[in-house]
C-alpha cells in the first residue's frame, strides 16, 4: 500500500516488486511456468476490497512489500489471508524484514509462510524454482526464513552481497506503461542507474 498521505487516485507502484518480476523474466525457462501480477493499493482502500480480489481468484502465492508505513496493515491482511486461504503461501519482504528469526517469531505461521531479507531478486527466483521444479529445497535458498510443518522457524544462510549493476533494467516500456507517469523508488542498497529524469539527479543516482 502507498503512503497514508496518498489517496486512491495517486497510489504508487512498489518498484521492488517490479524488480523481482523483471529478474524472473530474464530466466526464460522459469518465466514460462509462472505468472506474476503486481497490485498497488492506496492507504484509503479497504481491507475488504483487497481480500475480495484475492479470495475471488486465489493465487498460489501472495507477497507483500513491507515498508514502515504499511507494515501493520500488511501484517493484518496476511493473517486474514492465512485464515481464509490456508493453502496460499504468504511472503513478506522489503526493508522491514531484518533479523529474520526474530521477525518470524514475532509474527508466527498464522501471519506468513516465508520471509525474504530485504530486496531479494535471486532468493525469490530460487523460491519460484522450488515451487515449479521442487529444487532447490527451501533450506538451500539463502536469505530467507520459513516455518516447518510443526510451526518452528528456520533461517537459512545469509545471502551474499549483490552487485546491483548486474541486475536487469526495470524501466522497460512494458513496466512503465503499468507503473504510470510517476515512479517511487526507495532503496537502502543504492542504484546502479544514472537516469537523467531521476529526482536525485544523475550525479547522485548511485
N, C-alpha and C. Protein backbone atom coordinates (compact mmCIF):
# COMPACT_ATOMS: atom_id res chain seq x y z
N UNK A 1 0.83 -1.20 0.00
CA UNK A 1 0.00 0.00 0.00
C UNK A 1 0.86 1.25 0.00
N UNK A 2 0.30 2.30 -0.56
CA UNK A 2 1.04 3.55 -0.65
C UNK A 2 1.04 4.28 0.69
N UNK A 3 1.78 5.36 0.75
CA UNK A 3 1.83 6.15 1.98
C UNK A 3 0.44 6.64 2.37
N UNK A 4 0.25 6.88 3.64
CA UNK A 4 -1.06 7.28 4.14
C UNK A 4 -1.52 8.61 3.55
N UNK A 5 -0.58 9.47 3.17
CA UNK A 5 -0.97 10.77 2.64
C UNK A 5 -1.52 10.68 1.23
N UNK A 6 -1.28 9.56 0.56
CA UNK A 6 -1.74 9.43 -0.81
C UNK A 6 -3.12 8.78 -0.86
N UNK A 7 -3.91 9.23 -1.78
CA UNK A 7 -5.24 8.69 -1.95
C UNK A 7 -5.28 7.74 -3.14
N UNK A 8 -6.43 7.14 -3.34
CA UNK A 8 -6.58 6.11 -4.37
C UNK A 8 -6.11 6.58 -5.74
N UNK A 9 -6.45 7.79 -6.10
CA UNK A 9 -6.12 8.27 -7.44
C UNK A 9 -4.62 8.43 -7.65
N UNK A 10 -3.86 8.47 -6.55
CA UNK A 10 -2.41 8.70 -6.68
C UNK A 10 -1.60 7.55 -6.10
N UNK A 11 -2.18 6.37 -6.05
CA UNK A 11 -1.45 5.23 -5.50
C UNK A 11 -0.22 4.95 -6.33
N UNK A 12 0.92 4.75 -5.66
CA UNK A 12 2.16 4.47 -6.38
C UNK A 12 2.41 2.97 -6.42
N UNK A 13 3.22 2.56 -7.38
CA UNK A 13 3.54 1.15 -7.52
C UNK A 13 4.79 0.82 -6.73
N UNK A 14 4.85 -0.41 -6.23
CA UNK A 14 6.02 -0.86 -5.48
C UNK A 14 7.12 -1.24 -6.46
N UNK A 15 8.13 -0.40 -6.56
CA UNK A 15 9.19 -0.63 -7.53
C UNK A 15 9.92 -1.94 -7.25
N UNK A 16 10.07 -2.29 -5.97
CA UNK A 16 10.76 -3.53 -5.63
C UNK A 16 10.08 -4.75 -6.23
N UNK A 17 8.75 -4.73 -6.29
CA UNK A 17 8.03 -5.85 -6.88
C UNK A 17 8.31 -5.96 -8.37
N UNK A 18 8.41 -4.81 -9.04
CA UNK A 18 8.74 -4.83 -10.47
C UNK A 18 10.16 -5.35 -10.69
N UNK A 19 11.06 -5.04 -9.76
CA UNK A 19 12.42 -5.53 -9.87
C UNK A 19 12.46 -7.05 -9.74
N UNK A 20 11.68 -7.59 -8.82
CA UNK A 20 11.59 -9.05 -8.67
C UNK A 20 11.07 -9.69 -9.95
N UNK A 21 9.99 -9.15 -10.48
CA UNK A 21 9.39 -9.73 -11.67
C UNK A 21 10.33 -9.61 -12.88
N UNK A 22 10.99 -8.46 -13.00
CA UNK A 22 11.90 -8.27 -14.14
C UNK A 22 13.04 -9.28 -14.10
N UNK A 23 13.55 -9.55 -12.91
CA UNK A 23 14.64 -10.52 -12.81
C UNK A 23 14.17 -11.91 -13.23
N UNK A 24 12.98 -12.30 -12.81
CA UNK A 24 12.44 -13.60 -13.19
C UNK A 24 12.23 -13.67 -14.70
N UNK A 25 11.82 -12.56 -15.31
CA UNK A 25 11.60 -12.53 -16.76
C UNK A 25 12.87 -12.85 -17.54
N UNK A 26 14.03 -12.55 -16.95
CA UNK A 26 15.29 -12.84 -17.64
C UNK A 26 15.65 -14.32 -17.57
N UNK A 27 14.99 -15.07 -16.73
CA UNK A 27 15.21 -16.51 -16.62
C UNK A 27 14.13 -17.19 -17.44
N UNK A 28 14.34 -17.27 -18.72
CA UNK A 28 13.28 -17.63 -19.66
C UNK A 28 12.61 -18.96 -19.34
N UNK A 29 13.37 -19.96 -18.97
CA UNK A 29 12.78 -21.27 -18.68
C UNK A 29 11.84 -21.19 -17.49
N UNK A 30 12.27 -20.54 -16.41
CA UNK A 30 11.42 -20.39 -15.23
C UNK A 30 10.23 -19.49 -15.53
N UNK A 31 10.46 -18.41 -16.28
CA UNK A 31 9.39 -17.44 -16.56
C UNK A 31 8.23 -18.07 -17.31
N UNK A 32 8.49 -19.11 -18.07
CA UNK A 32 7.41 -19.77 -18.82
C UNK A 32 6.42 -20.48 -17.90
N UNK A 33 6.83 -20.74 -16.66
CA UNK A 33 6.00 -21.53 -15.75
C UNK A 33 5.30 -20.69 -14.68
N UNK A 34 5.57 -19.40 -14.64
CA UNK A 34 4.99 -18.57 -13.58
C UNK A 34 4.32 -17.34 -14.18
N UNK A 35 3.33 -16.84 -13.47
CA UNK A 35 2.68 -15.58 -13.83
C UNK A 35 2.69 -14.69 -12.60
N UNK A 36 3.34 -13.54 -12.71
CA UNK A 36 3.47 -12.62 -11.58
C UNK A 36 2.63 -11.39 -11.86
N UNK A 37 1.66 -11.15 -11.01
CA UNK A 37 0.77 -9.99 -11.15
C UNK A 37 1.01 -9.05 -9.99
N UNK A 38 1.24 -7.78 -10.29
CA UNK A 38 1.54 -6.78 -9.27
C UNK A 38 0.33 -5.89 -9.05
N UNK A 39 -0.04 -5.71 -7.80
CA UNK A 39 -1.16 -4.83 -7.45
C UNK A 39 -0.66 -3.76 -6.48
N UNK A 40 -1.21 -2.57 -6.59
CA UNK A 40 -0.89 -1.49 -5.67
C UNK A 40 -2.18 -0.86 -5.17
N UNK A 41 -2.25 -0.62 -3.86
CA UNK A 41 -3.44 -0.04 -3.25
C UNK A 41 -3.04 1.17 -2.41
N UNK A 42 -3.86 2.21 -2.47
CA UNK A 42 -3.64 3.36 -1.61
C UNK A 42 -4.12 3.03 -0.19
N UNK A 43 -3.69 3.85 0.75
CA UNK A 43 -3.99 3.55 2.15
C UNK A 43 -5.47 3.69 2.47
N UNK A 44 -6.25 4.40 1.62
CA UNK A 44 -7.67 4.54 1.93
C UNK A 44 -8.51 3.43 1.29
N UNK A 45 -7.86 2.48 0.61
CA UNK A 45 -8.60 1.31 0.14
C UNK A 45 -8.92 0.41 1.34
N UNK A 46 -10.05 -0.23 1.33
CA UNK A 46 -10.46 -1.05 2.46
C UNK A 46 -9.82 -2.43 2.39
N UNK A 47 -9.63 -3.04 3.55
CA UNK A 47 -9.15 -4.42 3.60
C UNK A 47 -10.11 -5.34 2.85
N UNK A 48 -11.39 -5.02 2.93
CA UNK A 48 -12.39 -5.86 2.27
C UNK A 48 -12.16 -5.93 0.76
N UNK A 49 -11.80 -4.79 0.16
CA UNK A 49 -11.55 -4.77 -1.28
C UNK A 49 -10.35 -5.64 -1.63
N UNK A 50 -9.28 -5.48 -0.88
CA UNK A 50 -8.06 -6.26 -1.15
C UNK A 50 -8.35 -7.75 -0.99
N UNK A 51 -9.02 -8.12 0.10
CA UNK A 51 -9.32 -9.52 0.35
C UNK A 51 -10.26 -10.09 -0.70
N UNK A 52 -11.22 -9.30 -1.12
CA UNK A 52 -12.16 -9.77 -2.14
C UNK A 52 -11.43 -10.13 -3.42
N UNK A 53 -10.49 -9.28 -3.84
CA UNK A 53 -9.77 -9.54 -5.08
C UNK A 53 -8.90 -10.80 -4.96
N UNK A 54 -8.38 -11.06 -3.78
CA UNK A 54 -7.54 -12.25 -3.58
C UNK A 54 -8.40 -13.50 -3.45
N UNK A 55 -9.43 -13.43 -2.64
CA UNK A 55 -10.26 -14.60 -2.38
C UNK A 55 -11.06 -15.01 -3.61
N UNK A 56 -11.48 -14.04 -4.42
CA UNK A 56 -12.29 -14.37 -5.59
C UNK A 56 -11.50 -15.10 -6.67
N UNK A 57 -10.19 -14.95 -6.66
CA UNK A 57 -9.34 -15.65 -7.62
C UNK A 57 -8.03 -16.00 -6.94
N UNK A 58 -8.04 -16.98 -6.06
CA UNK A 58 -6.88 -17.26 -5.20
C UNK A 58 -5.62 -17.62 -6.00
N UNK A 59 -4.52 -16.96 -5.73
CA UNK A 59 -3.25 -17.33 -6.35
C UNK A 59 -2.56 -18.42 -5.52
N UNK A 60 -1.45 -18.91 -6.01
CA UNK A 60 -0.66 -19.85 -5.22
C UNK A 60 0.13 -19.14 -4.13
N UNK A 61 0.51 -17.89 -4.44
CA UNK A 61 1.38 -17.12 -3.55
C UNK A 61 0.91 -15.67 -3.52
N UNK A 62 0.94 -15.07 -2.32
CA UNK A 62 0.70 -13.63 -2.17
C UNK A 62 1.92 -13.04 -1.47
N UNK A 63 2.50 -12.00 -2.06
CA UNK A 63 3.67 -11.37 -1.45
C UNK A 63 3.40 -9.92 -1.08
N UNK A 64 3.98 -9.49 0.03
CA UNK A 64 3.83 -8.11 0.49
C UNK A 64 5.19 -7.44 0.59
N UNK A 65 5.30 -6.24 0.01
CA UNK A 65 6.49 -5.41 0.20
C UNK A 65 6.26 -4.60 1.48
N UNK A 66 7.02 -4.90 2.50
CA UNK A 66 6.78 -4.33 3.83
C UNK A 66 7.64 -3.10 4.07
N UNK A 67 6.97 -1.94 4.08
CA UNK A 67 7.61 -0.66 4.35
C UNK A 67 7.15 -0.16 5.72
N UNK A 68 7.84 0.82 6.30
CA UNK A 68 7.43 1.31 7.63
C UNK A 68 5.99 1.78 7.68
N UNK A 69 5.49 2.37 6.57
CA UNK A 69 4.15 2.96 6.60
C UNK A 69 3.03 1.95 6.31
N UNK A 70 3.37 0.76 5.83
CA UNK A 70 2.29 -0.18 5.50
C UNK A 70 2.43 -1.52 6.22
N UNK A 71 3.46 -1.64 7.05
CA UNK A 71 3.77 -2.94 7.64
C UNK A 71 2.64 -3.47 8.51
N UNK A 72 2.05 -2.61 9.34
CA UNK A 72 0.96 -3.06 10.22
C UNK A 72 -0.24 -3.53 9.42
N UNK A 73 -0.60 -2.76 8.38
CA UNK A 73 -1.73 -3.15 7.53
C UNK A 73 -1.45 -4.47 6.83
N UNK A 74 -0.23 -4.64 6.32
CA UNK A 74 0.11 -5.86 5.61
C UNK A 74 0.11 -7.07 6.54
N UNK A 75 0.54 -6.88 7.77
CA UNK A 75 0.53 -7.99 8.73
C UNK A 75 -0.90 -8.42 9.04
N UNK A 76 -1.79 -7.44 9.18
CA UNK A 76 -3.20 -7.76 9.45
C UNK A 76 -3.81 -8.49 8.26
N UNK A 77 -3.56 -7.98 7.05
CA UNK A 77 -4.08 -8.64 5.85
C UNK A 77 -3.51 -10.05 5.70
N UNK A 78 -2.26 -10.21 6.03
CA UNK A 78 -1.64 -11.53 5.93
C UNK A 78 -2.32 -12.54 6.83
N UNK A 79 -2.63 -12.12 8.04
CA UNK A 79 -3.32 -13.04 8.98
C UNK A 79 -4.69 -13.43 8.45
N UNK A 80 -5.39 -12.47 7.86
CA UNK A 80 -6.71 -12.77 7.30
C UNK A 80 -6.61 -13.74 6.12
N UNK A 81 -5.61 -13.53 5.27
CA UNK A 81 -5.43 -14.42 4.12
C UNK A 81 -5.08 -15.83 4.60
N UNK A 82 -4.19 -15.93 5.57
CA UNK A 82 -3.80 -17.24 6.08
C UNK A 82 -5.00 -17.97 6.68
N UNK A 83 -5.91 -17.20 7.30
CA UNK A 83 -7.09 -17.80 7.92
C UNK A 83 -8.11 -18.24 6.87
N UNK A 84 -8.31 -17.41 5.85
CA UNK A 84 -9.32 -17.71 4.83
C UNK A 84 -8.81 -18.69 3.77
N UNK A 85 -7.51 -18.59 3.45
CA UNK A 85 -6.93 -19.42 2.40
C UNK A 85 -5.64 -20.06 2.92
N UNK A 86 -5.76 -21.04 3.79
CA UNK A 86 -4.56 -21.63 4.40
C UNK A 86 -3.62 -22.30 3.41
N UNK A 87 -4.12 -22.63 2.22
CA UNK A 87 -3.25 -23.28 1.22
C UNK A 87 -2.40 -22.27 0.45
N UNK A 88 -2.71 -20.97 0.57
CA UNK A 88 -1.96 -19.93 -0.14
C UNK A 88 -0.72 -19.55 0.69
N UNK A 89 0.43 -19.52 0.03
CA UNK A 89 1.66 -19.10 0.70
C UNK A 89 1.72 -17.58 0.77
N UNK A 90 2.03 -17.05 1.94
CA UNK A 90 2.12 -15.61 2.15
C UNK A 90 3.58 -15.25 2.40
N UNK A 91 4.11 -14.33 1.57
CA UNK A 91 5.50 -13.93 1.65
C UNK A 91 5.61 -12.49 2.14
N UNK A 92 6.63 -12.22 2.95
CA UNK A 92 6.96 -10.85 3.35
C UNK A 92 8.39 -10.56 2.93
N UNK A 93 8.62 -9.36 2.38
CA UNK A 93 9.97 -8.93 2.03
C UNK A 93 10.05 -7.43 2.11
N UNK A 94 11.23 -6.88 1.86
CA UNK A 94 11.39 -5.44 1.89
C UNK A 94 12.15 -4.94 3.10
N UNK A 95 12.21 -3.62 3.27
CA UNK A 95 13.05 -3.01 4.31
C UNK A 95 12.69 -3.39 5.74
N UNK A 96 11.45 -3.79 6.00
CA UNK A 96 11.05 -4.13 7.36
C UNK A 96 11.46 -5.54 7.77
N UNK A 97 11.91 -6.33 6.81
CA UNK A 97 12.29 -7.71 7.13
C UNK A 97 13.79 -7.74 7.40
N UNK A 98 14.13 -7.56 8.65
CA UNK A 98 15.52 -7.66 9.11
C UNK A 98 15.52 -8.56 10.34
N UNK A 99 16.68 -9.17 10.63
CA UNK A 99 16.77 -10.15 11.72
C UNK A 99 15.64 -11.17 11.55
N UNK A 100 15.77 -11.98 10.53
CA UNK A 100 14.67 -12.83 10.08
C UNK A 100 14.13 -13.72 11.19
N UNK A 101 14.99 -14.30 11.99
CA UNK A 101 14.49 -15.21 13.04
C UNK A 101 13.55 -14.49 13.99
N UNK A 102 13.93 -13.28 14.42
CA UNK A 102 13.06 -12.50 15.29
C UNK A 102 11.78 -12.11 14.58
N UNK A 103 11.89 -11.81 13.30
CA UNK A 103 10.71 -11.45 12.51
C UNK A 103 9.72 -12.61 12.47
N UNK A 104 10.22 -13.80 12.22
CA UNK A 104 9.35 -14.98 12.18
C UNK A 104 8.71 -15.24 13.53
N UNK A 105 9.49 -15.15 14.59
CA UNK A 105 8.95 -15.42 15.94
C UNK A 105 7.91 -14.38 16.32
N UNK A 106 8.13 -13.13 15.90
CA UNK A 106 7.19 -12.06 16.25
C UNK A 106 5.85 -12.22 15.54
N UNK A 107 5.86 -12.69 14.30
CA UNK A 107 4.63 -12.78 13.51
C UNK A 107 4.00 -14.16 13.54
N UNK A 108 4.79 -15.21 13.52
CA UNK A 108 4.26 -16.56 13.62
C UNK A 108 3.69 -17.08 12.32
N UNK A 109 3.51 -18.41 12.23
CA UNK A 109 2.99 -19.02 11.00
C UNK A 109 1.55 -18.65 10.69
N UNK A 110 0.85 -18.08 11.65
CA UNK A 110 -0.52 -17.63 11.38
C UNK A 110 -0.53 -16.34 10.57
N UNK A 111 0.64 -15.72 10.38
CA UNK A 111 0.73 -14.46 9.63
C UNK A 111 1.40 -14.65 8.28
N UNK A 112 2.48 -15.42 8.23
CA UNK A 112 3.20 -15.56 6.97
C UNK A 112 3.82 -16.93 6.85
N UNK A 113 4.19 -17.26 5.61
CA UNK A 113 4.82 -18.56 5.33
C UNK A 113 6.33 -18.42 5.23
N UNK A 114 6.80 -17.39 4.51
CA UNK A 114 8.22 -17.21 4.26
C UNK A 114 8.57 -15.73 4.32
N UNK A 115 9.72 -15.41 4.91
CA UNK A 115 10.22 -14.04 4.96
C UNK A 115 11.50 -13.95 4.14
N UNK A 116 11.60 -12.90 3.32
CA UNK A 116 12.77 -12.66 2.48
C UNK A 116 13.50 -11.44 3.02
N UNK A 117 14.78 -11.57 3.21
CA UNK A 117 15.56 -10.46 3.74
C UNK A 117 15.72 -9.37 2.69
N UNK A 118 15.17 -8.18 2.99
CA UNK A 118 15.33 -7.03 2.12
C UNK A 118 14.86 -7.26 0.70
N UNK A 119 15.61 -6.70 -0.25
CA UNK A 119 15.31 -6.87 -1.67
C UNK A 119 16.01 -8.14 -2.13
N UNK A 120 15.29 -9.07 -2.71
CA UNK A 120 15.81 -10.43 -2.83
C UNK A 120 15.51 -11.06 -4.18
N UNK A 121 15.99 -10.46 -5.25
CA UNK A 121 15.71 -10.99 -6.59
C UNK A 121 16.14 -12.45 -6.72
N UNK A 122 17.38 -12.76 -6.33
CA UNK A 122 17.90 -14.11 -6.50
C UNK A 122 17.16 -15.11 -5.61
N UNK A 123 16.92 -14.73 -4.37
CA UNK A 123 16.21 -15.63 -3.46
C UNK A 123 14.79 -15.89 -3.92
N UNK A 124 14.13 -14.84 -4.43
CA UNK A 124 12.76 -15.00 -4.91
C UNK A 124 12.72 -15.93 -6.12
N UNK A 125 13.66 -15.77 -7.04
CA UNK A 125 13.71 -16.64 -8.22
C UNK A 125 13.97 -18.08 -7.80
N UNK A 126 14.84 -18.30 -6.84
CA UNK A 126 15.11 -19.66 -6.37
C UNK A 126 13.88 -20.24 -5.68
N UNK A 127 13.13 -19.39 -4.98
CA UNK A 127 11.89 -19.86 -4.35
C UNK A 127 10.89 -20.30 -5.41
N UNK A 128 10.73 -19.53 -6.48
CA UNK A 128 9.83 -19.93 -7.56
C UNK A 128 10.31 -21.24 -8.19
N UNK A 129 11.61 -21.39 -8.34
CA UNK A 129 12.15 -22.64 -8.87
C UNK A 129 11.82 -23.80 -7.94
N UNK A 130 11.85 -23.53 -6.66
CA UNK A 130 11.47 -24.56 -5.67
C UNK A 130 10.02 -24.99 -5.88
N UNK A 131 9.13 -24.02 -6.13
CA UNK A 131 7.73 -24.35 -6.35
C UNK A 131 7.51 -25.11 -7.66
N UNK A 132 8.22 -24.68 -8.70
CA UNK A 132 8.00 -25.25 -10.04
C UNK A 132 8.70 -26.59 -10.20
N UNK A 133 9.97 -26.64 -9.81
CA UNK A 133 10.80 -27.82 -10.09
C UNK A 133 11.09 -28.67 -8.86
N UNK A 134 10.62 -28.21 -7.67
CA UNK A 134 10.93 -28.90 -6.41
C UNK A 134 12.42 -28.87 -6.09
N UNK A 135 13.12 -27.92 -6.67
CA UNK A 135 14.55 -27.75 -6.44
C UNK A 135 14.91 -26.29 -6.70
N UNK A 136 15.69 -25.68 -5.81
CA UNK A 136 16.34 -26.24 -4.62
C UNK A 136 15.36 -26.39 -3.45
N UNK A 137 15.78 -27.08 -2.42
CA UNK A 137 15.00 -27.15 -1.19
C UNK A 137 15.00 -25.77 -0.53
N UNK A 138 13.96 -25.50 0.27
CA UNK A 138 13.90 -24.21 0.95
C UNK A 138 15.16 -23.95 1.77
N UNK A 139 15.66 -24.98 2.43
CA UNK A 139 16.83 -24.82 3.29
C UNK A 139 18.08 -24.43 2.51
N UNK A 140 18.06 -24.61 1.18
CA UNK A 140 19.22 -24.30 0.35
C UNK A 140 19.15 -22.89 -0.23
N UNK A 141 18.04 -22.18 -0.01
CA UNK A 141 17.87 -20.82 -0.55
C UNK A 141 18.39 -19.82 0.48
N UNK A 142 19.38 -19.04 0.12
CA UNK A 142 19.96 -18.12 1.09
C UNK A 142 19.07 -16.89 1.30
N UNK A 143 19.15 -16.33 2.50
CA UNK A 143 18.47 -15.07 2.80
C UNK A 143 16.99 -15.16 3.06
N UNK A 144 16.50 -16.34 3.48
CA UNK A 144 15.07 -16.47 3.78
C UNK A 144 14.88 -17.13 5.14
N UNK A 145 13.65 -17.04 5.63
CA UNK A 145 13.23 -17.76 6.82
C UNK A 145 11.85 -18.35 6.58
N UNK A 146 11.58 -19.49 7.16
CA UNK A 146 10.30 -20.16 6.94
C UNK A 146 9.95 -21.00 8.15
N UNK A 147 8.72 -21.51 8.15
CA UNK A 147 8.23 -22.36 9.23
C UNK A 147 8.12 -23.80 8.72
N UNK A 148 8.51 -24.75 9.57
CA UNK A 148 8.35 -26.15 9.19
C UNK A 148 6.92 -26.61 9.49
N UNK A 149 6.67 -27.89 9.27
CA UNK A 149 5.31 -28.43 9.44
C UNK A 149 4.82 -28.29 10.87
N UNK A 150 5.74 -28.23 11.83
CA UNK A 150 5.35 -28.08 13.24
C UNK A 150 5.25 -26.62 13.66
N UNK A 151 5.53 -25.70 12.74
CA UNK A 151 5.44 -24.27 13.06
C UNK A 151 6.70 -23.69 13.64
N UNK A 152 7.80 -24.42 13.60
CA UNK A 152 9.07 -23.90 14.12
C UNK A 152 9.79 -23.09 13.05
N UNK A 153 10.38 -21.95 13.43
CA UNK A 153 11.06 -21.11 12.42
C UNK A 153 12.44 -21.66 12.05
N UNK A 154 12.78 -21.51 10.78
CA UNK A 154 14.11 -21.87 10.29
C UNK A 154 14.65 -20.72 9.46
N UNK A 155 15.93 -20.39 9.64
CA UNK A 155 16.58 -19.31 8.88
C UNK A 155 17.75 -19.91 8.11
N UNK A 156 17.83 -19.60 6.84
CA UNK A 156 18.91 -20.13 6.00
C UNK A 156 20.15 -19.24 6.11
N UNK A 157 21.21 -19.61 5.41
CA UNK A 157 22.45 -18.84 5.44
C UNK A 157 22.23 -17.44 4.85
N UNK A 158 23.09 -16.51 5.24
CA UNK A 158 22.98 -15.15 4.73
C UNK A 158 23.24 -15.11 3.23
N UNK A 159 22.55 -14.21 2.56
CA UNK A 159 22.76 -14.02 1.13
C UNK A 159 24.01 -13.19 0.90
N UNK A 160 24.79 -13.55 -0.11
CA UNK A 160 25.98 -12.79 -0.43
C UNK A 160 25.62 -11.40 -0.94
N UNK A 161 26.52 -10.46 -0.73
CA UNK A 161 26.28 -9.09 -1.19
C UNK A 161 26.05 -9.09 -2.69
N UNK A 162 25.05 -8.34 -3.11
CA UNK A 162 24.63 -8.33 -4.50
C UNK A 162 25.27 -7.18 -5.26
N UNK A 163 25.74 -7.47 -6.46
CA UNK A 163 26.21 -6.43 -7.38
C UNK A 163 24.98 -5.89 -8.12
N UNK A 164 24.47 -4.76 -7.65
CA UNK A 164 23.23 -4.25 -8.22
C UNK A 164 23.37 -3.86 -9.68
N UNK A 165 24.61 -3.58 -10.13
CA UNK A 165 24.79 -3.21 -11.53
C UNK A 165 24.58 -4.40 -12.45
N UNK A 166 24.54 -5.62 -11.88
CA UNK A 166 24.31 -6.82 -12.70
C UNK A 166 22.83 -7.12 -12.87
N UNK A 167 21.96 -6.39 -12.17
CA UNK A 167 20.53 -6.62 -12.28
C UNK A 167 20.00 -6.06 -13.60
N UNK A 168 18.98 -6.68 -14.18
CA UNK A 168 18.42 -6.16 -15.43
C UNK A 168 17.69 -4.84 -15.20
N UNK A 169 17.68 -4.00 -16.21
CA UNK A 169 16.98 -2.72 -16.12
C UNK A 169 15.48 -2.96 -15.92
N UNK A 170 14.90 -2.23 -15.00
CA UNK A 170 13.48 -2.40 -14.68
C UNK A 170 12.61 -1.47 -15.50
N UNK A 171 13.17 -0.34 -15.93
CA UNK A 171 12.38 0.66 -16.64
C UNK A 171 12.16 0.27 -18.10
N UNK A 172 11.51 -0.84 -18.31
CA UNK A 172 11.17 -1.27 -19.65
C UNK A 172 9.90 -0.56 -20.12
N UNK A 173 9.66 -0.47 -21.42
CA UNK A 173 8.42 0.15 -21.89
C UNK A 173 7.18 -0.52 -21.31
N UNK A 174 7.22 -1.84 -21.17
CA UNK A 174 6.07 -2.55 -20.62
C UNK A 174 5.83 -2.16 -19.17
N UNK A 175 6.89 -2.13 -18.37
CA UNK A 175 6.73 -1.78 -16.96
C UNK A 175 6.30 -0.33 -16.78
N UNK A 176 6.86 0.57 -17.59
CA UNK A 176 6.49 1.98 -17.46
C UNK A 176 5.02 2.20 -17.78
N UNK A 177 4.49 1.46 -18.75
CA UNK A 177 3.06 1.58 -19.05
C UNK A 177 2.22 1.14 -17.86
N UNK A 178 2.70 0.14 -17.13
CA UNK A 178 1.95 -0.37 -15.98
C UNK A 178 2.12 0.53 -14.76
N UNK A 179 3.31 1.09 -14.60
CA UNK A 179 3.59 1.92 -13.42
C UNK A 179 2.91 3.28 -13.49
N UNK A 180 2.79 3.84 -14.68
CA UNK A 180 2.23 5.17 -14.79
C UNK A 180 3.32 6.22 -14.91
N UNK A 181 2.96 7.47 -14.77
CA UNK A 181 3.88 8.56 -15.04
C UNK A 181 4.78 8.90 -13.86
N UNK A 182 4.49 8.36 -12.68
CA UNK A 182 5.30 8.69 -11.50
C UNK A 182 5.72 7.40 -10.83
N UNK A 183 7.01 7.22 -10.64
CA UNK A 183 7.54 6.00 -10.05
C UNK A 183 8.32 6.35 -8.80
N UNK A 184 7.93 5.77 -7.68
CA UNK A 184 8.65 5.96 -6.42
C UNK A 184 9.60 4.79 -6.22
N UNK A 185 10.88 5.08 -6.03
CA UNK A 185 11.87 4.03 -5.84
C UNK A 185 12.68 4.37 -4.60
N UNK A 186 12.48 3.64 -3.53
CA UNK A 186 13.27 3.83 -2.33
C UNK A 186 14.09 2.58 -2.09
N UNK A 187 15.38 2.76 -1.85
CA UNK A 187 16.25 1.61 -1.68
C UNK A 187 17.34 1.93 -0.67
N UNK A 188 17.74 0.92 0.06
CA UNK A 188 18.85 1.08 1.00
C UNK A 188 20.14 0.52 0.42
N UNK A 189 20.09 0.00 -0.79
CA UNK A 189 21.27 -0.65 -1.37
C UNK A 189 21.88 0.14 -2.52
N UNK A 190 21.36 1.33 -2.81
CA UNK A 190 21.90 2.12 -3.90
C UNK A 190 21.27 1.76 -5.22
N UNK A 191 21.59 2.54 -6.24
CA UNK A 191 21.02 2.32 -7.57
C UNK A 191 22.14 2.41 -8.60
N UNK A 192 22.25 1.42 -9.48
CA UNK A 192 23.33 1.43 -10.47
C UNK A 192 23.06 2.31 -11.68
N UNK A 193 21.83 2.79 -11.81
CA UNK A 193 21.45 3.55 -12.99
C UNK A 193 21.68 5.04 -12.78
N UNK A 194 21.86 5.78 -13.84
CA UNK A 194 22.05 7.23 -13.75
C UNK A 194 21.04 7.90 -14.69
N UNK A 195 19.78 7.71 -14.37
CA UNK A 195 18.71 8.22 -15.23
C UNK A 195 18.65 9.75 -15.16
N UNK A 196 18.56 10.39 -16.29
CA UNK A 196 18.54 11.84 -16.33
C UNK A 196 17.29 12.42 -15.69
N UNK A 197 16.21 11.60 -15.64
CA UNK A 197 14.95 12.09 -15.09
C UNK A 197 14.82 11.81 -13.60
N UNK A 198 15.86 11.21 -13.00
CA UNK A 198 15.77 10.87 -11.57
C UNK A 198 15.70 12.13 -10.72
N UNK A 199 14.88 12.10 -9.69
CA UNK A 199 14.70 13.25 -8.82
C UNK A 199 15.99 13.64 -8.11
N UNK A 200 16.87 12.67 -7.90
CA UNK A 200 18.13 12.93 -7.22
C UNK A 200 19.17 13.53 -8.16
N UNK A 201 18.93 13.45 -9.46
CA UNK A 201 19.92 13.92 -10.42
C UNK A 201 20.93 12.83 -10.73
N UNK A 202 21.44 12.81 -11.94
CA UNK A 202 22.29 11.71 -12.36
C UNK A 202 23.57 11.60 -11.53
N UNK A 203 24.06 12.70 -10.98
CA UNK A 203 25.31 12.64 -10.24
C UNK A 203 25.13 11.96 -8.88
N UNK A 204 23.88 11.81 -8.42
CA UNK A 204 23.63 11.18 -7.12
C UNK A 204 22.93 9.84 -7.25
N UNK A 205 22.70 9.38 -8.47
CA UNK A 205 21.85 8.20 -8.66
C UNK A 205 22.44 6.94 -8.07
N UNK A 206 23.75 6.89 -7.81
CA UNK A 206 24.32 5.71 -7.21
C UNK A 206 24.13 5.71 -5.70
